[in-house]
């Protein structure tokens, strides 16, 4: 049986190798934080800026998690069987949970 610590270390190092290679097209681009702002009354302008920043943070966080999952999918193709399951559970369980629930949460916050 493979030592889990070495297995996780190998997979995590491989993940950063894949990131540095930049050969995988990532599906999500980050939205820029520069946007047109209206000259509203000070109170409403501040509220608009804070709300917009919060929305951008949420969208960019979601995009980052999706991109990370795409990279992990590439890395985990190199592992087989029980090793692959262990790694998938360790490295993709929480990002998958986040990505599956974030759209509903985002919609609810907008409403």
PDB file of N, CA and C in Angstrom:
ATOM      1  N   UNK A   1       0.842  -1.191   0.000  1.00  0.00           N
ATOM      2  CA  UNK A   1       0.000   0.000   0.000  1.00  0.00           C
ATOM      3  C   UNK A   1       0.882   1.247   0.000  1.00  0.00           C
ATOM      4  N   UNK A   2       0.474   2.231  -0.731  1.00  0.00           N
ATOM      5  CA  UNK A   2       1.218   3.487  -0.855  1.00  0.00           C
ATOM      6  C   UNK A   2       0.943   4.369   0.360  1.00  0.00           C
ATOM      7  N   UNK A   3       1.979   4.980   0.853  1.00  0.00           N
ATOM      8  CA  UNK A   3       1.853   5.914   1.967  1.00  0.00           C
ATOM      9  C   UNK A   3       0.997   7.101   1.526  1.00  0.00           C
ATOM     10  N   UNK A   4      -0.118   7.385   2.238  1.00  0.00           N
ATOM     11  CA  UNK A   4      -1.007   8.484   1.817  1.00  0.00           C
ATOM     12  C   UNK A   4      -0.303   9.838   1.753  1.00  0.00           C
ATOM     13  N   UNK A   5       0.603  10.090   2.683  1.00  0.00           N
ATOM     14  CA  UNK A   5       1.297  11.371   2.678  1.00  0.00           C
ATOM     15  C   UNK A   5       2.097  11.560   1.391  1.00  0.00           C
ATOM     16  N   UNK A   6       2.828  10.550   0.983  1.00  0.00           N
ATOM     17  CA  UNK A   6       3.599  10.642  -0.262  1.00  0.00           C
ATOM     18  C   UNK A   6       2.697  10.713  -1.481  1.00  0.00           C
ATOM     19  N   UNK A   7       1.579   9.974  -1.435  1.00  0.00           N
ATOM     20  CA  UNK A   7       0.621  10.023  -2.540  1.00  0.00           C
ATOM     21  C   UNK A   7       0.037  11.419  -2.687  1.00  0.00           C
ATOM     22  N   UNK A   8      -0.387  12.038  -1.569  1.00  0.00           N
ATOM     23  CA  UNK A   8      -0.944  13.382  -1.610  1.00  0.00           C
ATOM     24  C   UNK A   8       0.110  14.391  -2.051  1.00  0.00           C
ATOM     25  N   UNK A   9       1.324  14.235  -1.564  1.00  0.00           N
ATOM     26  CA  UNK A   9       2.411  15.144  -1.942  1.00  0.00           C
ATOM     27  C   UNK A   9       2.690  15.052  -3.447  1.00  0.00           C
ATOM     28  N   UNK A  10       2.731  13.832  -3.966  1.00  0.00           N
ATOM     29  CA  UNK A  10       2.986  13.636  -5.393  1.00  0.00           C
ATOM     30  C   UNK A  10       1.874  14.284  -6.236  1.00  0.00           C
ATOM     31  N   UNK A  11       0.618  14.055  -5.826  1.00  0.00           N
ATOM     32  CA  UNK A  11      -0.510  14.627  -6.575  1.00  0.00           C
ATOM     33  C   UNK A  11      -0.502  16.148  -6.505  1.00  0.00           C
ATOM     34  N   UNK A  12      -0.227  16.691  -5.329  1.00  0.00           N
ATOM     35  CA  UNK A  12      -0.236  18.150  -5.166  1.00  0.00           C
ATOM     36  C   UNK A  12       0.898  18.785  -5.968  1.00  0.00           C
ATOM     37  N   UNK A  13       2.068  18.175  -5.970  1.00  0.00           N
ATOM     38  CA  UNK A  13       3.182  18.684  -6.792  1.00  0.00           C
ATOM     39  C   UNK A  13       2.840  18.603  -8.268  1.00  0.00           C
ATOM     40  N   UNK A  14       2.192  17.523  -8.657  1.00  0.00           N
ATOM     41  CA  UNK A  14       1.789  17.369 -10.063  1.00  0.00           C
ATOM     42  C   UNK A  14       0.770  18.440 -10.438  1.00  0.00           C
ATOM     43  N   UNK A  15      -0.124  18.779  -9.514  1.00  0.00           N
ATOM     44  CA  UNK A  15      -1.110  19.835  -9.754  1.00  0.00           C
ATOM     45  C   UNK A  15      -0.396  21.137 -10.117  1.00  0.00           C
ATOM     46  N   UNK A  16       0.616  21.513  -9.354  1.00  0.00           N
ATOM     47  CA  UNK A  16       1.319  22.772  -9.631  1.00  0.00           C
ATOM     48  C   UNK A  16       2.167  22.680 -10.886  1.00  0.00           C
ATOM     49  N   UNK A  17       2.622  21.482 -11.233  1.00  0.00           N
ATOM     50  CA  UNK A  17       3.310  21.308 -12.520  1.00  0.00           C
ATOM     51  C   UNK A  17       2.348  21.585 -13.668  1.00  0.00           C
ATOM     52  N   UNK A  18       1.133  21.074 -13.558  1.00  0.00           N
ATOM     53  CA  UNK A  18       0.119  21.294 -14.600  1.00  0.00           C
ATOM     54  C   UNK A  18      -0.223  22.780 -14.691  1.00  0.00           C
ATOM     55  N   UNK A  19      -0.322  23.453 -13.554  1.00  0.00           N
ATOM     56  CA  UNK A  19      -0.602  24.895 -13.554  1.00  0.00           C
ATOM     57  C   UNK A  19       0.504  25.638 -14.289  1.00  0.00           C
ATOM     58  N   UNK A  20       1.761  25.306 -13.998  1.00  0.00           N
ATOM     59  CA  UNK A  20       2.887  26.000 -14.622  1.00  0.00           C
ATOM     60  C   UNK A  20       3.003  25.705 -16.114  1.00  0.00           C
ATOM     61  N   UNK A  21       2.583  24.516 -16.541  1.00  0.00           N
ATOM     62  CA  UNK A  21       2.658  24.157 -17.965  1.00  0.00           C
ATOM     63  C   UNK A  21       1.707  24.990 -18.816  1.00  0.00           C
ATOM     64  N   UNK A  22       0.615  25.418 -18.248  1.00  0.00           N
ATOM     65  CA  UNK A  22      -0.393  26.242 -18.944  1.00  0.00           C
ATOM     66  C   UNK A  22      -0.844  25.640 -20.270  1.00  0.00           C
ATOM     67  N   UNK A  23      -0.980  24.349 -20.325  1.00  0.00           N
ATOM     68  CA  UNK A  23      -1.387  23.693 -21.561  1.00  0.00           C
ATOM     69  C   UNK A  23      -2.861  23.331 -21.589  1.00  0.00           C
ATOM     70  N   UNK A  24      -3.524  23.516 -20.466  1.00  0.00           N
ATOM     71  CA  UNK A  24      -4.942  23.186 -20.382  1.00  0.00           C
ATOM     72  C   UNK A  24      -5.755  24.473 -20.448  1.00  0.00           C
ATOM     73  N   UNK A  25      -6.646  24.597 -21.419  1.00  0.00           N
ATOM     74  CA  UNK A  25      -7.491  25.797 -21.455  1.00  0.00           C
ATOM     75  C   UNK A  25      -8.481  25.766 -20.297  1.00  0.00           C
ATOM     76  N   UNK A  26      -8.479  26.814 -19.515  1.00  0.00           N
ATOM     77  CA  UNK A  26      -9.387  26.887 -18.378  1.00  0.00           C
ATOM     78  C   UNK A  26     -10.720  27.485 -18.821  1.00  0.00           C
ATOM     79  N   UNK A  27     -11.817  26.945 -18.341  1.00  0.00           N
ATOM     80  CA  UNK A  27     -13.130  27.375 -18.836  1.00  0.00           C
ATOM     81  C   UNK A  27     -13.589  28.743 -18.340  1.00  0.00           C
ATOM     82  N   UNK A  28     -13.055  29.195 -17.221  1.00  0.00           N
ATOM     83  CA  UNK A  28     -13.571  30.435 -16.629  1.00  0.00           C
ATOM     84  C   UNK A  28     -12.494  31.508 -16.557  1.00  0.00           C
ATOM     85  N   UNK A  29     -12.848  32.703 -16.967  1.00  0.00           N
ATOM     86  CA  UNK A  29     -11.964  33.853 -16.822  1.00  0.00           C
ATOM     87  C   UNK A  29     -12.445  34.691 -15.646  1.00  0.00           C
ATOM     88  N   UNK A  30     -11.507  35.326 -14.984  1.00  0.00           N
ATOM     89  CA  UNK A  30     -11.866  36.198 -13.874  1.00  0.00           C
ATOM     90  C   UNK A  30     -12.429  37.513 -14.423  1.00  0.00           C
ATOM     91  N   UNK A  31     -13.447  38.015 -13.774  1.00  0.00           N
ATOM     92  CA  UNK A  31     -14.003  39.311 -14.158  1.00  0.00           C
ATOM     93  C   UNK A  31     -13.142  40.420 -13.561  1.00  0.00           C
ATOM     94  N   UNK A  32     -12.925  41.474 -14.310  1.00  0.00           N
ATOM     95  CA  UNK A  32     -12.106  42.573 -13.783  1.00  0.00           C
ATOM     96  C   UNK A  32     -12.856  43.364 -12.712  1.00  0.00           C
ATOM     97  N   UNK A  33     -12.106  43.983 -11.850  1.00  0.00           N
ATOM     98  CA  UNK A  33     -12.698  44.797 -10.785  1.00  0.00           C
ATOM     99  C   UNK A  33     -12.828  46.266 -11.195  1.00  0.00           C
ATOM    100  N   UNK A  34     -12.546  46.544 -12.455  1.00  0.00           N
ATOM    101  CA  UNK A  34     -12.751  47.906 -12.957  1.00  0.00           C
ATOM    102  C   UNK A  34     -14.065  47.902 -13.736  1.00  0.00           C
ATOM    103  N   UNK A  35     -14.929  48.781 -13.397  1.00  0.00           N
ATOM    104  CA  UNK A  35     -16.233  48.865 -14.034  1.00  0.00           C
ATOM    105  C   UNK A  35     -16.729  50.297 -13.931  1.00  0.00           C
ATOM    106  N   UNK A  36     -17.680  50.622 -14.797  1.00  0.00           N
ATOM    107  CA  UNK A  36     -18.230  51.979 -14.812  1.00  0.00           C
ATOM    108  C   UNK A  36     -19.057  52.195 -13.553  1.00  0.00           C
ATOM    109  N   UNK A  37     -18.787  53.300 -12.907  1.00  0.00           N
ATOM    110  CA  UNK A  37     -19.534  53.644 -11.710  1.00  0.00           C
ATOM    111  C   UNK A  37     -20.331  54.913 -11.973  1.00  0.00           C
ATOM    112  N   UNK A  38     -21.574  54.899 -11.555  1.00  0.00           N
ATOM    113  CA  UNK A  38     -22.422  56.074 -11.710  1.00  0.00           C
ATOM    114  C   UNK A  38     -22.104  57.083 -10.608  1.00  0.00           C
ATOM    115  N   UNK A  39     -22.292  58.336 -10.928  1.00  0.00           N
ATOM    116  CA  UNK A  39     -22.106  59.389  -9.922  1.00  0.00           C
ATOM    117  C   UNK A  39     -23.427  59.598  -9.188  1.00  0.00           C
ATOM    118  N   UNK A  40     -23.673  58.713  -8.256  1.00  0.00           N
ATOM    119  CA  UNK A  40     -24.902  58.792  -7.475  1.00  0.00           C
ATOM    120  C   UNK A  40     -24.634  59.551  -6.190  1.00  0.00           C
ATOM    121  N   UNK A  41     -25.687  59.794  -5.473  1.00  0.00           N
ATOM    122  CA  UNK A  41     -25.533  60.389  -4.154  1.00  0.00           C
ATOM    123  C   UNK A  41     -24.590  59.485  -3.370  1.00  0.00           C
ATOM    124  N   UNK A  42     -23.779  60.084  -2.536  1.00  0.00           N
ATOM    125  CA  UNK A  42     -22.698  59.360  -1.866  1.00  0.00           C
ATOM    126  C   UNK A  42     -23.157  58.034  -1.233  1.00  0.00           C
ATOM    127  N   UNK A  43     -24.241  58.036  -0.502  1.00  0.00           N
ATOM    128  CA  UNK A  43     -24.695  56.828   0.188  1.00  0.00           C
ATOM    129  C   UNK A  43     -25.006  55.716  -0.802  1.00  0.00           C
ATOM    130  N   UNK A  44     -25.752  56.033  -1.856  1.00  0.00           N
ATOM    131  CA  UNK A  44     -26.118  55.011  -2.817  1.00  0.00           C
ATOM    132  C   UNK A  44     -24.924  54.559  -3.642  1.00  0.00           C
ATOM    133  N   UNK A  45     -24.019  55.468  -3.923  1.00  0.00           N
ATOM    134  CA  UNK A  45     -22.815  55.102  -4.660  1.00  0.00           C
ATOM    135  C   UNK A  45     -21.957  54.112  -3.887  1.00  0.00           C
ATOM    136  N   UNK A  46     -21.841  54.335  -2.587  1.00  0.00           N
ATOM    137  CA  UNK A  46     -21.076  53.424  -1.738  1.00  0.00           C
ATOM    138  C   UNK A  46     -21.746  52.062  -1.674  1.00  0.00           C
ATOM    139  N   UNK A  47     -23.064  52.050  -1.559  1.00  0.00           N
ATOM    140  CA  UNK A  47     -23.799  50.783  -1.527  1.00  0.00           C
ATOM    141  C   UNK A  47     -23.623  50.024  -2.839  1.00  0.00           C
ATOM    142  N   UNK A  48     -23.683  50.757  -3.948  1.00  0.00           N
ATOM    143  CA  UNK A  48     -23.512  50.124  -5.254  1.00  0.00           C
ATOM    144  C   UNK A  48     -22.118  49.518  -5.372  1.00  0.00           C
ATOM    145  N   UNK A  49     -21.098  50.259  -4.956  1.00  0.00           N
ATOM    146  CA  UNK A  49     -19.724  49.753  -5.034  1.00  0.00           C
ATOM    147  C   UNK A  49     -19.536  48.510  -4.184  1.00  0.00           C
ATOM    148  N   UNK A  50     -20.058  48.516  -2.971  1.00  0.00           N
ATOM    149  CA  UNK A  50     -19.901  47.369  -2.082  1.00  0.00           C
ATOM    150  C   UNK A  50     -20.651  46.149  -2.608  1.00  0.00           C
ATOM    151  N   UNK A  51     -21.865  46.352  -3.106  1.00  0.00           N
ATOM    152  CA  UNK A  51     -22.649  45.242  -3.630  1.00  0.00           C
ATOM    153  C   UNK A  51     -21.992  44.666  -4.880  1.00  0.00           C
ATOM    154  N   UNK A  52     -21.529  45.546  -5.757  1.00  0.00           N
ATOM    155  CA  UNK A  52     -20.867  45.091  -6.980  1.00  0.00           C
ATOM    156  C   UNK A  52     -19.583  44.338  -6.656  1.00  0.00           C
ATOM    157  N   UNK A  53     -18.812  44.838  -5.702  1.00  0.00           N
ATOM    158  CA  UNK A  53     -17.573  44.155  -5.296  1.00  0.00           C
ATOM    159  C   UNK A  53     -17.880  42.769  -4.732  1.00  0.00           C
ATOM    160  N   UNK A  54     -18.937  42.679  -3.945  1.00  0.00           N
ATOM    161  CA  UNK A  54     -19.337  41.386  -3.381  1.00  0.00           C
ATOM    162  C   UNK A  54     -19.733  40.407  -4.486  1.00  0.00           C
ATOM    163  N   UNK A  55     -20.488  40.891  -5.476  1.00  0.00           N
ATOM    164  CA  UNK A  55     -20.874  40.034  -6.597  1.00  0.00           C
ATOM    165  C   UNK A  55     -19.654  39.573  -7.395  1.00  0.00           C
ATOM    166  N   UNK A  56     -18.739  40.492  -7.656  1.00  0.00           N
ATOM    167  CA  UNK A  56     -17.522  40.129  -8.388  1.00  0.00           C
ATOM    168  C   UNK A  56     -16.692  39.116  -7.605  1.00  0.00           C
ATOM    169  N   UNK A  57     -16.583  39.292  -6.300  1.00  0.00           N
ATOM    170  CA  UNK A  57     -15.848  38.332  -5.479  1.00  0.00           C
ATOM    171  C   UNK A  57     -16.469  36.941  -5.562  1.00  0.00           C
ATOM    172  N   UNK A  58     -17.791  36.894  -5.522  1.00  0.00           N
ATOM    173  CA  UNK A  58     -18.495  35.613  -5.584  1.00  0.00           C
ATOM    174  C   UNK A  58     -18.292  34.948  -6.940  1.00  0.00           C
ATOM    175  N   UNK A  59     -18.457  35.706  -8.008  1.00  0.00           N
ATOM    176  CA  UNK A  59     -18.294  35.150  -9.357  1.00  0.00           C
ATOM    177  C   UNK A  59     -16.861  34.703  -9.587  1.00  0.00           C
ATOM    178  N   UNK A  60     -15.892  35.514  -9.187  1.00  0.00           N
ATOM    179  CA  UNK A  60     -14.488  35.150  -9.375  1.00  0.00           C
ATOM    180  C   UNK A  60     -14.093  33.968  -8.493  1.00  0.00           C
ATOM    181  N   UNK A  61     -14.652  33.875  -7.296  1.00  0.00           N
ATOM    182  CA  UNK A  61     -14.389  32.720  -6.442  1.00  0.00           C
ATOM    183  C   UNK A  61     -14.911  31.440  -7.074  1.00  0.00           C
ATOM    184  N   UNK A  62     -16.109  31.517  -7.634  1.00  0.00           N
ATOM    185  CA  UNK A  62     -16.690  30.362  -8.322  1.00  0.00           C
ATOM    186  C   UNK A  62     -15.828  29.968  -9.529  1.00  0.00           C
ATOM    187  N   UNK A  63     -15.417  30.962 -10.306  1.00  0.00           N
ATOM    188  CA  UNK A  63     -14.577  30.693 -11.484  1.00  0.00           C
ATOM    189  C   UNK A  63     -13.260  30.039 -11.070  1.00  0.00           C
ATOM    190  N   UNK A  64     -12.677  30.504  -9.998  1.00  0.00           N
ATOM    191  CA  UNK A  64     -11.424  29.939  -9.513  1.00  0.00           C
ATOM    192  C   UNK A  64     -11.593  28.475  -9.114  1.00  0.00           C
ATOM    193  N   UNK A  65     -12.682  28.162  -8.430  1.00  0.00           N
ATOM    194  CA  UNK A  65     -12.931  26.773  -8.019  1.00  0.00           C
ATOM    195  C   UNK A  65     -13.170  25.869  -9.228  1.00  0.00           C
ATOM    196  N   UNK A  66     -13.916  26.350 -10.214  1.00  0.00           N
ATOM    197  CA  UNK A  66     -14.158  25.552 -11.425  1.00  0.00           C
ATOM    198  C   UNK A  66     -12.834  25.295 -12.150  1.00  0.00           C
ATOM    199  N   UNK A  67     -12.014  26.326 -12.285  1.00  0.00           N
ATOM    200  CA  UNK A  67     -10.712  26.148 -12.935  1.00  0.00           C
ATOM    201  C   UNK A  67      -9.848  25.152 -12.168  1.00  0.00           C
ATOM    202  N   UNK A  68      -9.876  25.232 -10.847  1.00  0.00           N
ATOM    203  CA  UNK A  68      -9.118  24.288 -10.038  1.00  0.00           C
ATOM    204  C   UNK A  68      -9.582  22.855 -10.243  1.00  0.00           C
ATOM    205  N   UNK A  69     -10.895  22.662 -10.361  1.00  0.00           N
ATOM    206  CA  UNK A  69     -11.420  21.320 -10.607  1.00  0.00           C
ATOM    207  C   UNK A  69     -10.996  20.783 -11.967  1.00  0.00           C
ATOM    208  N   UNK A  70     -10.934  21.640 -12.958  1.00  0.00           N
ATOM    209  CA  UNK A  70     -10.471  21.216 -14.282  1.00  0.00           C
ATOM    210  C   UNK A  70      -9.012  20.762 -14.205  1.00  0.00           C
ATOM    211  N   UNK A  71      -8.200  21.510 -13.472  1.00  0.00           N
ATOM    212  CA  UNK A  71      -6.797  21.134 -13.305  1.00  0.00           C
ATOM    213  C   UNK A  71      -6.669  19.814 -12.540  1.00  0.00           C
ATOM    214  N   UNK A  72      -7.458  19.645 -11.482  1.00  0.00           N
ATOM    215  CA  UNK A  72      -7.410  18.393 -10.730  1.00  0.00           C
ATOM    216  C   UNK A  72      -7.853  17.218 -11.585  1.00  0.00           C
ATOM    217  N   UNK A  73      -8.845  17.413 -12.441  1.00  0.00           N
ATOM    218  CA  UNK A  73      -9.285  16.328 -13.324  1.00  0.00           C
ATOM    219  C   UNK A  73      -8.131  15.853 -14.201  1.00  0.00           C
ATOM    220  N   UNK A  74      -7.338  16.788 -14.691  1.00  0.00           N
ATOM    221  CA  UNK A  74      -6.172  16.427 -15.510  1.00  0.00           C
ATOM    222  C   UNK A  74      -5.145  15.651 -14.692  1.00  0.00           C
ATOM    223  N   UNK A  75      -4.867  16.116 -13.496  1.00  0.00           N
ATOM    224  CA  UNK A  75      -3.874  15.446 -12.636  1.00  0.00           C
ATOM    225  C   UNK A  75      -4.342  14.052 -12.254  1.00  0.00           C
ATOM    226  N   UNK A  76      -5.602  13.917 -11.891  1.00  0.00           N
ATOM    227  CA  UNK A  76      -6.094  12.643 -11.365  1.00  0.00           C
ATOM    228  C   UNK A  76      -6.242  11.566 -12.437  1.00  0.00           C
ATOM    229  N   UNK A  77      -6.160  11.939 -13.697  1.00  0.00           N
ATOM    230  CA  UNK A  77      -6.154  10.936 -14.770  1.00  0.00           C
ATOM    231  C   UNK A  77      -4.920  10.045 -14.693  1.00  0.00           C
ATOM    232  N   UNK A  78      -3.869  10.547 -14.077  1.00  0.00           N
ATOM    233  CA  UNK A  78      -2.616   9.801 -13.990  1.00  0.00           C
ATOM    234  C   UNK A  78      -2.632   8.734 -12.895  1.00  0.00           C
ATOM    235  N   UNK A  79      -3.639   8.750 -12.040  1.00  0.00           N
ATOM    236  CA  UNK A  79      -3.723   7.804 -10.933  1.00  0.00           C
ATOM    237  C   UNK A  79      -4.869   6.836 -11.191  1.00  0.00           C
ATOM    238  N   UNK A  80      -4.746   5.629 -10.644  1.00  0.00           N
ATOM    239  CA  UNK A  80      -5.755   4.603 -10.912  1.00  0.00           C
ATOM    240  C   UNK A  80      -6.308   4.016  -9.627  1.00  0.00           C
ATOM    241  N   UNK A  81      -7.501   3.438  -9.728  1.00  0.00           N
ATOM    242  CA  UNK A  81      -8.100   2.640  -8.667  1.00  0.00           C
ATOM    243  C   UNK A  81      -8.300   3.361  -7.355  1.00  0.00           C
ATOM    244  N   UNK A  82      -7.936   2.667  -6.264  1.00  0.00           N
ATOM    245  CA  UNK A  82      -8.132   3.205  -4.917  1.00  0.00           C
ATOM    246  C   UNK A  82      -7.349   4.495  -4.715  1.00  0.00           C
ATOM    247  N   UNK A  83      -6.175   4.584  -5.323  1.00  0.00           N
ATOM    248  CA  UNK A  83      -5.373   5.805  -5.193  1.00  0.00           C
ATOM    249  C   UNK A  83      -6.125   6.990  -5.768  1.00  0.00           C
ATOM    250  N   UNK A  84      -6.750   6.792  -6.918  1.00  0.00           N
ATOM    251  CA  UNK A  84      -7.503   7.872  -7.551  1.00  0.00           C
ATOM    252  C   UNK A  84      -8.688   8.285  -6.679  1.00  0.00           C
ATOM    253  N   UNK A  85      -9.393   7.320  -6.115  1.00  0.00           N
ATOM    254  CA  UNK A  85     -10.541   7.637  -5.260  1.00  0.00           C
ATOM    255  C   UNK A  85     -10.113   8.423  -4.028  1.00  0.00           C
ATOM    256  N   UNK A  86      -9.005   7.982  -3.425  1.00  0.00           N
ATOM    257  CA  UNK A  86      -8.486   8.699  -2.251  1.00  0.00           C
ATOM    258  C   UNK A  86      -8.164  10.151  -2.588  1.00  0.00           C
ATOM    259  N   UNK A  87      -7.505  10.344  -3.712  1.00  0.00           N
ATOM    260  CA  UNK A  87      -7.111  11.690  -4.124  1.00  0.00           C
ATOM    261  C   UNK A  87      -8.319  12.536  -4.494  1.00  0.00           C
ATOM    262  N   UNK A  88      -9.262  11.948  -5.195  1.00  0.00           N
ATOM    263  CA  UNK A  88     -10.476  12.695  -5.548  1.00  0.00           C
ATOM    264  C   UNK A  88     -11.199  13.154  -4.293  1.00  0.00           C
ATOM    265  N   UNK A  89     -11.288  12.281  -3.324  1.00  0.00           N
ATOM    266  CA  UNK A  89     -11.963  12.636  -2.077  1.00  0.00           C
ATOM    267  C   UNK A  89     -11.218  13.754  -1.360  1.00  0.00           C
ATOM    268  N   UNK A  90      -9.901  13.656  -1.330  1.00  0.00           N
ATOM    269  CA  UNK A  90      -9.092  14.642  -0.606  1.00  0.00           C
ATOM    270  C   UNK A  90      -9.082  16.008  -1.280  1.00  0.00           C
ATOM    271  N   UNK A  91      -8.920  16.033  -2.599  1.00  0.00           N
ATOM    272  CA  UNK A  91      -8.671  17.304  -3.287  1.00  0.00           C
ATOM    273  C   UNK A  91      -9.865  17.904  -4.023  1.00  0.00           C
ATOM    274  N   UNK A  92     -10.907  17.126  -4.264  1.00  0.00           N
ATOM    275  CA  UNK A  92     -12.023  17.689  -5.040  1.00  0.00           C
ATOM    276  C   UNK A  92     -13.351  17.695  -4.295  1.00  0.00           C
ATOM    277  N   UNK A  93     -13.435  17.054  -3.151  1.00  0.00           N
ATOM    278  CA  UNK A  93     -14.702  16.964  -2.421  1.00  0.00           C
ATOM    279  C   UNK A  93     -15.248  18.350  -2.067  1.00  0.00           C
ATOM    280  N   UNK A  94     -14.458  19.176  -1.413  1.00  0.00           N
ATOM    281  CA  UNK A  94     -14.951  20.498  -1.000  1.00  0.00           C
ATOM    282  C   UNK A  94     -15.156  21.453  -2.173  1.00  0.00           C
ATOM    283  N   UNK A  95     -14.230  21.514  -3.156  1.00  0.00           N
ATOM    284  CA  UNK A  95     -14.522  22.384  -4.314  1.00  0.00           C
ATOM    285  C   UNK A  95     -15.780  21.957  -5.079  1.00  0.00           C
ATOM    286  N   UNK A  96     -16.018  20.646  -5.191  1.00  0.00           N
ATOM    287  CA  UNK A  96     -17.237  20.193  -5.857  1.00  0.00           C
ATOM    288  C   UNK A  96     -18.481  20.606  -5.073  1.00  0.00           C
ATOM    289  N   UNK A  97     -18.431  20.457  -3.782  1.00  0.00           N
ATOM    290  CA  UNK A  97     -19.548  20.872  -2.930  1.00  0.00           C
ATOM    291  C   UNK A  97     -19.812  22.367  -3.111  1.00  0.00           C
ATOM    292  N   UNK A  98     -18.739  23.143  -3.095  1.00  0.00           N
ATOM    293  CA  UNK A  98     -18.843  24.595  -3.278  1.00  0.00           C
ATOM    294  C   UNK A  98     -19.496  24.917  -4.624  1.00  0.00           C
ATOM    295  N   UNK A  99     -18.995  24.305  -5.695  1.00  0.00           N
ATOM    296  CA  UNK A  99     -19.485  24.610  -7.044  1.00  0.00           C
ATOM    297  C   UNK A  99     -20.926  24.152  -7.263  1.00  0.00           C
ATOM    298  N   UNK A 100     -21.327  23.103  -6.589  1.00  0.00           N
ATOM    299  CA  UNK A 100     -22.707  22.635  -6.744  1.00  0.00           C
ATOM    300  C   UNK A 100     -23.702  23.507  -5.989  1.00  0.00           C
ATOM    301  N   UNK A 101     -23.273  24.134  -4.909  1.00  0.00           N
ATOM    302  CA  UNK A 101     -24.194  24.912  -4.099  1.00  0.00           C
ATOM    303  C   UNK A 101     -24.111  26.424  -4.318  1.00  0.00           C
ATOM    304  N   UNK A 102     -23.013  26.901  -4.832  1.00  0.00           N
ATOM    305  CA  UNK A 102     -22.818  28.350  -4.978  1.00  0.00           C
ATOM    306  C   UNK A 102     -23.836  29.006  -5.921  1.00  0.00           C
ATOM    307  N   UNK A 103     -24.185  28.403  -7.070  1.00  0.00           N
ATOM    308  CA  UNK A 103     -25.161  29.083  -7.942  1.00  0.00           C
ATOM    309  C   UNK A 103     -26.504  29.350  -7.264  1.00  0.00           C
ATOM    310  N   UNK A 104     -26.988  28.404  -6.482  1.00  0.00           N
ATOM    311  CA  UNK A 104     -28.257  28.605  -5.779  1.00  0.00           C
ATOM    312  C   UNK A 104     -28.114  29.682  -4.718  1.00  0.00           C
ATOM    313  N   UNK A 105     -27.034  29.636  -3.979  1.00  0.00           N
ATOM    314  CA  UNK A 105     -26.794  30.663  -2.964  1.00  0.00           C
ATOM    315  C   UNK A 105     -26.692  32.043  -3.609  1.00  0.00           C
ATOM    316  N   UNK A 106     -25.994  32.110  -4.731  1.00  0.00           N
ATOM    317  CA  UNK A 106     -25.821  33.375  -5.452  1.00  0.00           C
ATOM    318  C   UNK A 106     -27.179  33.913  -5.910  1.00  0.00           C
ATOM    319  N   UNK A 107     -27.992  33.047  -6.472  1.00  0.00           N
ATOM    320  CA  UNK A 107     -29.335  33.462  -6.897  1.00  0.00           C
ATOM    321  C   UNK A 107     -30.149  33.980  -5.722  1.00  0.00           C
ATOM    322  N   UNK A 108     -30.105  33.267  -4.614  1.00  0.00           N
ATOM    323  CA  UNK A 108     -30.863  33.679  -3.429  1.00  0.00           C
ATOM    324  C   UNK A 108     -30.399  35.039  -2.913  1.00  0.00           C
ATOM    325  N   UNK A 109     -29.112  35.288  -2.954  1.00  0.00           N
ATOM    326  CA  UNK A 109     -28.594  36.585  -2.500  1.00  0.00           C
ATOM    327  C   UNK A 109     -29.032  37.701  -3.430  1.00  0.00           C
ATOM    328  N   UNK A 110     -29.082  37.441  -4.716  1.00  0.00           N
ATOM    329  CA  UNK A 110     -29.522  38.477  -5.658  1.00  0.00           C
ATOM    330  C   UNK A 110     -30.994  38.819  -5.459  1.00  0.00           C
ATOM    331  N   UNK A 111     -31.782  37.818  -5.167  1.00  0.00           N
ATOM    332  CA  UNK A 111     -33.213  38.034  -4.971  1.00  0.00           C
ATOM    333  C   UNK A 111     -33.421  38.836  -3.707  1.00  0.00           C
TER     334      UNK A 111
END
